[in-house]
Structures are given as structure tokens and as C-alpha cells.
């Protein structure tokens, strides 16, 4: 019978080599799909030159998420983290860019938590506004989870865009994200589905501007040195020559 896995096995069997966008994907294909075809890793890239830092714009109380409003992005845990922070930071503003089927549910959670005045759902924005939002945010938060149906991100592009802007990122230990972010060095990693630890991590970073700046600069260097377009082209040339 037809299945995505059986189709994938047939495709791999007819191929001499394959390319995976992360070590996580490679391991999945080898362990779960039992693929024996040689697999090389070439990370999906970001044009770093499109996302430039501007420290003069940063709002010390603004947190940003850019993600479709779906379960695997984990917005509800960020909302619960914000609820824990409003007493200490009454002016905290959590801005969410993206559309999706969970908008009504997330708005309801905001109302139930009493933080609706601290939350802004922006929907879709232009490229110029997106860049501006990255520059103005003191932190970028993406609390990804493995959804109930198994759906998950690998290494979200928005993390690379935020890092390219030197906006410190807080994300989770899901899938390939730890391949991009080394906790405490170029970003922060927290356990998935844990609003308490997420809140603690956000609090520490908001209170420590020197640490934020160090992490932000390291994040940009990571994206420039390991996830730039030219790096991906070079890796592909090496792989297939």
C-alpha cells in the first residue's frame, strides 16, 4: 500500500547520494526509514545581508515571535511566560507575526491570563516591517514543540533571520534547533512545553543587557559563518564533485 515512507525508500534506493538539511534529518532517515544511501548535510541558508542589526531601535520590553499560528510553534507557552513577567515588567509587549488556525485560541488564552493589553497579533507584515520588528525586539522567542500528530520544525528560518539581526533568540530542544543554537553561547535553549523555564530565561536576559549583546553578536557570527548562502553552495559543490 502507498505510504510516504515507502515512497521515500524507493526514491533513496534509486539515488547515489542524498542531501539532508540537518543532522536531525539525516539520523531520522537512517534510523527510522533505514536508508543506506550516503547522506550529506547541507543546511538551509539565510541571506544575512538582508537582516542588519540596529541597536538604536531596541525596545527593552518588546519580545517578538514570527511563526504561523499552529501547535508546533508553541505560542501558548510564550503567552504563559509573559503572564509570569507582567508584574515585574508591566510594559512588556509580546508581538506575534503570522497567521494560522489557532489565532482565536491564542487570543482566548491571552484574555484568560489577563494579558491581552500586552499582546499584539500583527498577522502578515511586509518585508520592510519584518526587518524593523526584528531590530526593535529585545528578544526573539520561538518555543517550538512536537505537536500531538508528530509534526515539528527542523531548524526554523526565522531563528536565523533573528540571529542575523543580532536579536538574542530563545527556543527549545526540538529536532534540529540545537544544531543552530548552543545554549548560553549564541542563544538560549529551554525544554519544550515549559512556560516556567521559558519565563525564567526571558527574565534573566531582560535583566542582563551585556549578556544579550554578547549572545546577539555570537548569533550573527554563527549565521554568517555556518548558515550563509555561499556556505551552502560550497558544501553542495564539495558533495557532488
C-alpha atoms as a PDB file:
ATOM      1  CA  UNK A   1       0.000   0.000   0.000  1.00  0.00           C
ATOM      2  CA  UNK A   2       1.034   3.617  -0.643  1.00  0.00           C
ATOM      3  CA  UNK A   3       2.777   5.495   2.145  1.00  0.00           C
ATOM      4  CA  UNK A   4       5.118   8.440   2.329  1.00  0.00           C
ATOM      5  CA  UNK A   5       7.774   6.261   3.940  1.00  0.00           C
ATOM      6  CA  UNK A   6       7.651   3.563   1.275  1.00  0.00           C
ATOM      7  CA  UNK A   7       7.839   6.227  -1.423  1.00  0.00           C
ATOM      8  CA  UNK A   8      10.839   7.804   0.291  1.00  0.00           C
ATOM      9  CA  UNK A   9      12.613   4.446   0.479  1.00  0.00           C
ATOM     10  CA  UNK A  10      12.091   3.863  -3.260  1.00  0.00           C
ATOM     11  CA  UNK A  11      13.456   7.315  -4.097  1.00  0.00           C
ATOM     12  CA  UNK A  12      16.523   6.846  -1.914  1.00  0.00           C
ATOM     13  CA  UNK A  13      17.161   3.371  -3.311  1.00  0.00           C
ATOM     14  CA  UNK A  14      17.343   4.796  -6.838  1.00  0.00           C
ATOM     15  CA  UNK A  15      19.745   7.586  -5.792  1.00  0.00           C
ATOM     16  CA  UNK A  16      23.525   7.558  -5.462  1.00  0.00           C
ATOM     17  CA  UNK A  17      23.650  10.258  -2.777  1.00  0.00           C
ATOM     18  CA  UNK A  18      21.244  12.437  -0.825  1.00  0.00           C
ATOM     19  CA  UNK A  19      21.326  15.786   0.955  1.00  0.00           C
ATOM     20  CA  UNK A  20      19.676  16.459   4.326  1.00  0.00           C
ATOM     21  CA  UNK A  21      19.103  19.950   5.813  1.00  0.00           C
ATOM     22  CA  UNK A  22      20.271  18.889   9.295  1.00  0.00           C
ATOM     23  CA  UNK A  23      21.903  16.127  11.303  1.00  0.00           C
ATOM     24  CA  UNK A  24      18.465  15.509  12.815  1.00  0.00           C
ATOM     25  CA  UNK A  25      17.001  14.751   9.365  1.00  0.00           C
ATOM     26  CA  UNK A  26      19.934  12.532   8.490  1.00  0.00           C
ATOM     27  CA  UNK A  27      19.535  10.482  11.657  1.00  0.00           C
ATOM     28  CA  UNK A  28      15.798  10.192  11.115  1.00  0.00           C
ATOM     29  CA  UNK A  29      16.276   8.878   7.589  1.00  0.00           C
ATOM     30  CA  UNK A  30      18.880   6.380   8.696  1.00  0.00           C
ATOM     31  CA  UNK A  31      17.201   5.219  11.912  1.00  0.00           C
ATOM     32  CA  UNK A  32      13.501   5.438  11.070  1.00  0.00           C
ATOM     33  CA  UNK A  33      13.483   4.874   7.320  1.00  0.00           C
ATOM     34  CA  UNK A  34      16.503   2.517   7.299  1.00  0.00           C
ATOM     35  CA  UNK A  35      18.122   4.439   4.443  1.00  0.00           C
ATOM     36  CA  UNK A  36      21.540   3.144   3.392  1.00  0.00           C
ATOM     37  CA  UNK A  37      22.188   5.769   0.706  1.00  0.00           C
ATOM     38  CA  UNK A  38      25.087   8.108   1.636  1.00  0.00           C
ATOM     39  CA  UNK A  39      23.625  11.304   3.089  1.00  0.00           C
ATOM     40  CA  UNK A  40      25.417  14.658   3.264  1.00  0.00           C
ATOM     41  CA  UNK A  41      24.281  17.598   5.367  1.00  0.00           C
ATOM     42  CA  UNK A  42      23.783  20.996   3.741  1.00  0.00           C
ATOM     43  CA  UNK A  43      21.943  23.413   5.993  1.00  0.00           C
ATOM     44  CA  UNK A  44      19.171  25.616   4.655  1.00  0.00           C
ATOM     45  CA  UNK A  45      20.546  29.142   4.486  1.00  0.00           C
ATOM     46  CA  UNK A  46      19.724  32.768   5.135  1.00  0.00           C
ATOM     47  CA  UNK A  47      20.908  35.833   3.227  1.00  0.00           C
ATOM     48  CA  UNK A  48      22.492  37.543   6.224  1.00  0.00           C
ATOM     49  CA  UNK A  49      22.952  40.805   4.308  1.00  0.00           C
ATOM     50  CA  UNK A  50      19.168  41.330   4.298  1.00  0.00           C
ATOM     51  CA  UNK A  51      18.982  41.423   8.095  1.00  0.00           C
ATOM     52  CA  UNK A  52      21.170  44.043   9.712  1.00  0.00           C
ATOM     53  CA  UNK A  53      21.351  44.918  13.413  1.00  0.00           C
ATOM     54  CA  UNK A  54      20.387  48.395  14.609  1.00  0.00           C
ATOM     55  CA  UNK A  55      20.940  48.750  18.336  1.00  0.00           C
ATOM     56  CA  UNK A  56      19.414  52.248  18.356  1.00  0.00           C
ATOM     57  CA  UNK A  57      15.919  50.841  17.753  1.00  0.00           C
ATOM     58  CA  UNK A  58      15.722  48.237  20.517  1.00  0.00           C
ATOM     59  CA  UNK A  59      12.722  48.446  22.852  1.00  0.00           C
ATOM     60  CA  UNK A  60      13.846  46.904  26.190  1.00  0.00           C
ATOM     61  CA  UNK A  61      10.368  45.483  26.840  1.00  0.00           C
ATOM     62  CA  UNK A  62       9.465  44.118  23.408  1.00  0.00           C
ATOM     63  CA  UNK A  63       9.511  40.377  22.674  1.00  0.00           C
ATOM     64  CA  UNK A  64       8.879  39.002  19.191  1.00  0.00           C
ATOM     65  CA  UNK A  65       7.731  35.744  17.625  1.00  0.00           C
ATOM     66  CA  UNK A  66       7.456  35.189  13.885  1.00  0.00           C
ATOM     67  CA  UNK A  67       5.626  31.961  13.156  1.00  0.00           C
ATOM     68  CA  UNK A  68       2.458  30.545  11.698  1.00  0.00           C
ATOM     69  CA  UNK A  69      -0.199  30.183  14.410  1.00  0.00           C
ATOM     70  CA  UNK A  70      -0.092  26.406  14.720  1.00  0.00           C
ATOM     71  CA  UNK A  71       0.510  23.962  17.556  1.00  0.00           C
ATOM     72  CA  UNK A  72       4.120  23.114  16.732  1.00  0.00           C
ATOM     73  CA  UNK A  73       5.240  26.749  17.167  1.00  0.00           C
ATOM     74  CA  UNK A  74       4.334  26.683  20.877  1.00  0.00           C
ATOM     75  CA  UNK A  75       2.855  30.196  21.159  1.00  0.00           C
ATOM     76  CA  UNK A  76       0.746  29.228  24.168  1.00  0.00           C
ATOM     77  CA  UNK A  77       3.895  28.643  26.253  1.00  0.00           C
ATOM     78  CA  UNK A  78       5.218  32.082  25.385  1.00  0.00           C
ATOM     79  CA  UNK A  79       1.888  33.587  26.452  1.00  0.00           C
ATOM     80  CA  UNK A  80       2.116  31.798  29.794  1.00  0.00           C
ATOM     81  CA  UNK A  81       5.684  33.045  30.198  1.00  0.00           C
ATOM     82  CA  UNK A  82       4.569  36.626  29.542  1.00  0.00           C
ATOM     83  CA  UNK A  83       1.826  36.227  32.159  1.00  0.00           C
ATOM     84  CA  UNK A  84       4.547  35.431  34.714  1.00  0.00           C
ATOM     85  CA  UNK A  85       6.571  38.514  33.722  1.00  0.00           C
ATOM     86  CA  UNK A  86       3.957  41.272  33.677  1.00  0.00           C
ATOM     87  CA  UNK A  87       4.191  42.037  37.414  1.00  0.00           C
ATOM     88  CA  UNK A  88       7.902  42.770  37.114  1.00  0.00           C
ATOM     89  CA  UNK A  89       7.657  44.317  33.638  1.00  0.00           C
ATOM     90  CA  UNK A  90       4.217  45.968  33.296  1.00  0.00           C
ATOM     91  CA  UNK A  91       5.271  47.480  29.938  1.00  0.00           C
ATOM     92  CA  UNK A  92       6.270  44.157  28.404  1.00  0.00           C
ATOM     93  CA  UNK A  93       4.925  43.785  24.862  1.00  0.00           C
ATOM     94  CA  UNK A  94       4.747  40.449  23.093  1.00  0.00           C
ATOM     95  CA  UNK A  95       4.319  40.899  19.343  1.00  0.00           C
ATOM     96  CA  UNK A  96       3.340  37.942  17.188  1.00  0.00           C
ATOM     97  CA  UNK A  97       3.741  37.980  13.411  1.00  0.00           C
ATOM     98  CA  UNK A  98       1.925  35.269  11.495  1.00  0.00           C
ATOM     99  CA  UNK A  99      -1.469  33.895  10.593  1.00  0.00           C
ATOM    100  CA  UNK A 100      -2.969  30.486  11.256  1.00  0.00           C
ATOM    101  CA  UNK A 101      -5.835  28.403  12.586  1.00  0.00           C
ATOM    102  CA  UNK A 102      -5.024  28.952  16.278  1.00  0.00           C
ATOM    103  CA  UNK A 103      -5.454  32.717  16.346  1.00  0.00           C
ATOM    104  CA  UNK A 104      -8.814  32.600  18.147  1.00  0.00           C
ATOM    105  CA  UNK A 105      -7.492  30.070  20.687  1.00  0.00           C
ATOM    106  CA  UNK A 106      -4.409  32.176  21.394  1.00  0.00           C
ATOM    107  CA  UNK A 107      -6.483  35.327  21.788  1.00  0.00           C
ATOM    108  CA  UNK A 108      -8.703  33.455  24.246  1.00  0.00           C
ATOM    109  CA  UNK A 109      -5.657  32.327  26.249  1.00  0.00           C
ATOM    110  CA  UNK A 110      -4.437  35.946  26.372  1.00  0.00           C
ATOM    111  CA  UNK A 111      -7.827  37.035  27.716  1.00  0.00           C
ATOM    112  CA  UNK A 112      -7.928  34.234  30.287  1.00  0.00           C
ATOM    113  CA  UNK A 113      -4.442  35.143  31.525  1.00  0.00           C
ATOM    114  CA  UNK A 114      -5.347  38.823  31.722  1.00  0.00           C
ATOM    115  CA  UNK A 115      -2.505  39.900  29.430  1.00  0.00           C
ATOM    116  CA  UNK A 116      -4.467  40.936  26.340  1.00  0.00           C
ATOM    117  CA  UNK A 117      -3.142  44.509  26.612  1.00  0.00           C
ATOM    118  CA  UNK A 118       0.431  43.152  26.455  1.00  0.00           C
ATOM    119  CA  UNK A 119      -0.132  41.054  23.315  1.00  0.00           C
ATOM    120  CA  UNK A 120      -0.269  42.254  19.710  1.00  0.00           C
ATOM    121  CA  UNK A 121      -1.222  39.922  16.850  1.00  0.00           C
ATOM    122  CA  UNK A 122       0.180  41.506  13.692  1.00  0.00           C
ATOM    123  CA  UNK A 123      -0.812  38.880  11.129  1.00  0.00           C
ATOM    124  CA  UNK A 124       1.102  39.147   7.865  1.00  0.00           C
ATOM    125  CA  UNK A 125       3.557  42.042   7.529  1.00  0.00           C
ATOM    126  CA  UNK A 126       5.682  43.448   4.714  1.00  0.00           C
ATOM    127  CA  UNK A 127       9.357  42.553   4.379  1.00  0.00           C
ATOM    128  CA  UNK A 128      10.370  46.045   5.489  1.00  0.00           C
ATOM    129  CA  UNK A 129       8.210  45.841   8.620  1.00  0.00           C
ATOM    130  CA  UNK A 130       9.524  42.356   9.368  1.00  0.00           C
ATOM    131  CA  UNK A 131      13.100  43.642   9.366  1.00  0.00           C
ATOM    132  CA  UNK A 132      12.061  46.553  11.576  1.00  0.00           C
ATOM    133  CA  UNK A 133      10.320  44.217  14.043  1.00  0.00           C
ATOM    134  CA  UNK A 134      13.465  42.091  14.336  1.00  0.00           C
ATOM    135  CA  UNK A 135      15.545  45.213  15.022  1.00  0.00           C
ATOM    136  CA  UNK A 136      13.171  46.604  17.647  1.00  0.00           C
ATOM    137  CA  UNK A 137      12.764  43.394  19.652  1.00  0.00           C
ATOM    138  CA  UNK A 138      14.931  42.909  22.726  1.00  0.00           C
ATOM    139  CA  UNK A 139      14.400  39.136  22.422  1.00  0.00           C
ATOM    140  CA  UNK A 140      13.119  36.687  19.820  1.00  0.00           C
ATOM    141  CA  UNK A 141      11.177  33.753  21.254  1.00  0.00           C
ATOM    142  CA  UNK A 142      10.204  30.580  19.390  1.00  0.00           C
ATOM    143  CA  UNK A 143       9.052  27.860  21.850  1.00  0.00           C
ATOM    144  CA  UNK A 144       8.665  25.047  19.308  1.00  0.00           C
ATOM    145  CA  UNK A 145       7.104  21.731  20.353  1.00  0.00           C
ATOM    146  CA  UNK A 146       6.464  18.337  18.831  1.00  0.00           C
ATOM    147  CA  UNK A 147       2.744  18.505  18.023  1.00  0.00           C
ATOM    148  CA  UNK A 148       0.303  15.787  19.050  1.00  0.00           C
ATOM    149  CA  UNK A 149       0.313  14.437  15.471  1.00  0.00           C
ATOM    150  CA  UNK A 150       4.137  14.343  15.446  1.00  0.00           C
ATOM    151  CA  UNK A 151       4.533  17.477  13.330  1.00  0.00           C
ATOM    152  CA  UNK A 152       7.613  19.530  14.213  1.00  0.00           C
ATOM    153  CA  UNK A 153      10.048  22.069  12.848  1.00  0.00           C
ATOM    154  CA  UNK A 154      13.628  21.162  11.987  1.00  0.00           C
ATOM    155  CA  UNK A 155      15.610  24.431  12.041  1.00  0.00           C
ATOM    156  CA  UNK A 156      13.198  27.344  11.509  1.00  0.00           C
ATOM    157  CA  UNK A 157      14.439  30.024   9.118  1.00  0.00           C
ATOM    158  CA  UNK A 158      13.072  32.784  11.372  1.00  0.00           C
ATOM    159  CA  UNK A 159      15.644  31.892  14.021  1.00  0.00           C
ATOM    160  CA  UNK A 160      18.408  32.517  11.505  1.00  0.00           C
ATOM    161  CA  UNK A 161      16.831  35.823  10.475  1.00  0.00           C
ATOM    162  CA  UNK A 162      16.601  36.988  14.091  1.00  0.00           C
ATOM    163  CA  UNK A 163      20.169  35.875  14.778  1.00  0.00           C
ATOM    164  CA  UNK A 164      21.353  37.741  11.674  1.00  0.00           C
ATOM    165  CA  UNK A 165      19.795  40.871  13.205  1.00  0.00           C
ATOM    166  CA  UNK A 166      21.694  40.230  16.472  1.00  0.00           C
ATOM    167  CA  UNK A 167      18.393  39.718  18.291  1.00  0.00           C
ATOM    168  CA  UNK A 168      19.032  37.126  21.049  1.00  0.00           C
ATOM    169  CA  UNK A 169      16.937  34.008  20.495  1.00  0.00           C
ATOM    170  CA  UNK A 170      15.235  31.725  22.986  1.00  0.00           C
ATOM    171  CA  UNK A 171      13.984  28.449  21.550  1.00  0.00           C
ATOM    172  CA  UNK A 172      13.566  24.800  22.518  1.00  0.00           C
ATOM    173  CA  UNK A 173      15.405  21.489  22.303  1.00  0.00           C
ATOM    174  CA  UNK A 174      13.213  20.231  19.448  1.00  0.00           C
ATOM    175  CA  UNK A 175      14.520  18.496  16.314  1.00  0.00           C
ATOM    176  CA  UNK A 176      17.484  20.326  14.724  1.00  0.00           C
ATOM    177  CA  UNK A 177      17.293  23.586  16.691  1.00  0.00           C
ATOM    178  CA  UNK A 178      20.241  22.631  18.979  1.00  0.00           C
ATOM    179  CA  UNK A 179      22.338  22.320  15.800  1.00  0.00           C
ATOM    180  CA  UNK A 180      21.835  26.063  15.304  1.00  0.00           C
ATOM    181  CA  UNK A 181      21.718  27.335  18.889  1.00  0.00           C
ATOM    182  CA  UNK A 182      24.259  26.423  21.556  1.00  0.00           C
ATOM    183  CA  UNK A 183      22.669  27.248  24.890  1.00  0.00           C
ATOM    184  CA  UNK A 184      24.233  30.271  26.555  1.00  0.00           C
ATOM    185  CA  UNK A 185      26.588  30.985  23.674  1.00  0.00           C
ATOM    186  CA  UNK A 186      24.657  32.192  20.632  1.00  0.00           C
ATOM    187  CA  UNK A 187      21.145  31.856  22.066  1.00  0.00           C
ATOM    188  CA  UNK A 188      19.234  30.035  24.777  1.00  0.00           C
ATOM    189  CA  UNK A 189      17.590  26.611  24.711  1.00  0.00           C
ATOM    190  CA  UNK A 190      14.772  25.627  27.074  1.00  0.00           C
ATOM    191  CA  UNK A 191      12.738  22.410  27.362  1.00  0.00           C
ATOM    192  CA  UNK A 192       9.638  22.276  25.187  1.00  0.00           C
ATOM    193  CA  UNK A 193       6.212  22.821  26.782  1.00  0.00           C
ATOM    194  CA  UNK A 194       7.698  24.530  29.835  1.00  0.00           C
ATOM    195  CA  UNK A 195       6.423  28.075  30.292  1.00  0.00           C
ATOM    196  CA  UNK A 196       8.074  28.384  33.709  1.00  0.00           C
ATOM    197  CA  UNK A 197      11.621  27.828  32.450  1.00  0.00           C
ATOM    198  CA  UNK A 198      10.880  29.974  29.412  1.00  0.00           C
ATOM    199  CA  UNK A 199       9.803  32.818  31.709  1.00  0.00           C
ATOM    200  CA  UNK A 200      12.916  32.416  33.870  1.00  0.00           C
ATOM    201  CA  UNK A 201      15.165  32.537  30.812  1.00  0.00           C
ATOM    202  CA  UNK A 202      13.451  35.610  29.376  1.00  0.00           C
ATOM    203  CA  UNK A 203      13.701  37.341  32.759  1.00  0.00           C
ATOM    204  CA  UNK A 204      17.432  36.681  33.061  1.00  0.00           C
ATOM    205  CA  UNK A 205      18.112  38.021  29.571  1.00  0.00           C
ATOM    206  CA  UNK A 206      15.956  41.109  30.046  1.00  0.00           C
ATOM    207  CA  UNK A 207      17.887  41.916  33.211  1.00  0.00           C
ATOM    208  CA  UNK A 208      21.323  41.347  31.650  1.00  0.00           C
ATOM    209  CA  UNK A 209      21.974  43.667  28.675  1.00  0.00           C
ATOM    210  CA  UNK A 210      25.649  42.693  28.426  1.00  0.00           C
ATOM    211  CA  UNK A 211      24.728  39.032  28.078  1.00  0.00           C
ATOM    212  CA  UNK A 212      22.106  39.901  25.450  1.00  0.00           C
ATOM    213  CA  UNK A 213      24.631  41.841  23.402  1.00  0.00           C
ATOM    214  CA  UNK A 214      27.190  39.030  23.606  1.00  0.00           C
ATOM    215  CA  UNK A 215      24.651  36.393  22.587  1.00  0.00           C
ATOM    216  CA  UNK A 216      23.305  38.597  19.804  1.00  0.00           C
ATOM    217  CA  UNK A 217      26.723  39.161  18.251  1.00  0.00           C
ATOM    218  CA  UNK A 218      27.596  35.472  18.564  1.00  0.00           C
ATOM    219  CA  UNK A 219      24.306  34.559  16.909  1.00  0.00           C
ATOM    220  CA  UNK A 220      25.034  36.734  13.898  1.00  0.00           C
ATOM    221  CA  UNK A 221      28.524  35.267  13.604  1.00  0.00           C
ATOM    222  CA  UNK A 222      27.041  31.751  13.664  1.00  0.00           C
ATOM    223  CA  UNK A 223      24.640  32.503  10.839  1.00  0.00           C
ATOM    224  CA  UNK A 224      27.330  34.292   8.825  1.00  0.00           C
ATOM    225  CA  UNK A 225      29.935  31.556   9.263  1.00  0.00           C
ATOM    226  CA  UNK A 226      27.820  28.401   9.115  1.00  0.00           C
ATOM    227  CA  UNK A 227      24.466  29.179   7.523  1.00  0.00           C
ATOM    228  CA  UNK A 228      25.228  31.678   4.784  1.00  0.00           C
ATOM    229  CA  UNK A 229      24.216  31.050   1.172  1.00  0.00           C
ATOM    230  CA  UNK A 230      27.811  30.765  -0.031  1.00  0.00           C
ATOM    231  CA  UNK A 231      28.496  28.109   2.609  1.00  0.00           C
ATOM    232  CA  UNK A 232      25.616  26.006   1.287  1.00  0.00           C
ATOM    233  CA  UNK A 233      26.811  26.394  -2.313  1.00  0.00           C
ATOM    234  CA  UNK A 234      30.345  25.375  -1.342  1.00  0.00           C
ATOM    235  CA  UNK A 235      29.035  22.326   0.543  1.00  0.00           C
ATOM    236  CA  UNK A 236      26.961  21.237  -2.449  1.00  0.00           C
ATOM    237  CA  UNK A 237      29.931  21.617  -4.786  1.00  0.00           C
ATOM    238  CA  UNK A 238      32.091  19.530  -2.468  1.00  0.00           C
ATOM    239  CA  UNK A 239      29.354  16.893  -2.140  1.00  0.00           C
ATOM    240  CA  UNK A 240      28.771  16.369  -5.845  1.00  0.00           C
ATOM    241  CA  UNK A 241      32.299  16.830  -7.216  1.00  0.00           C
END
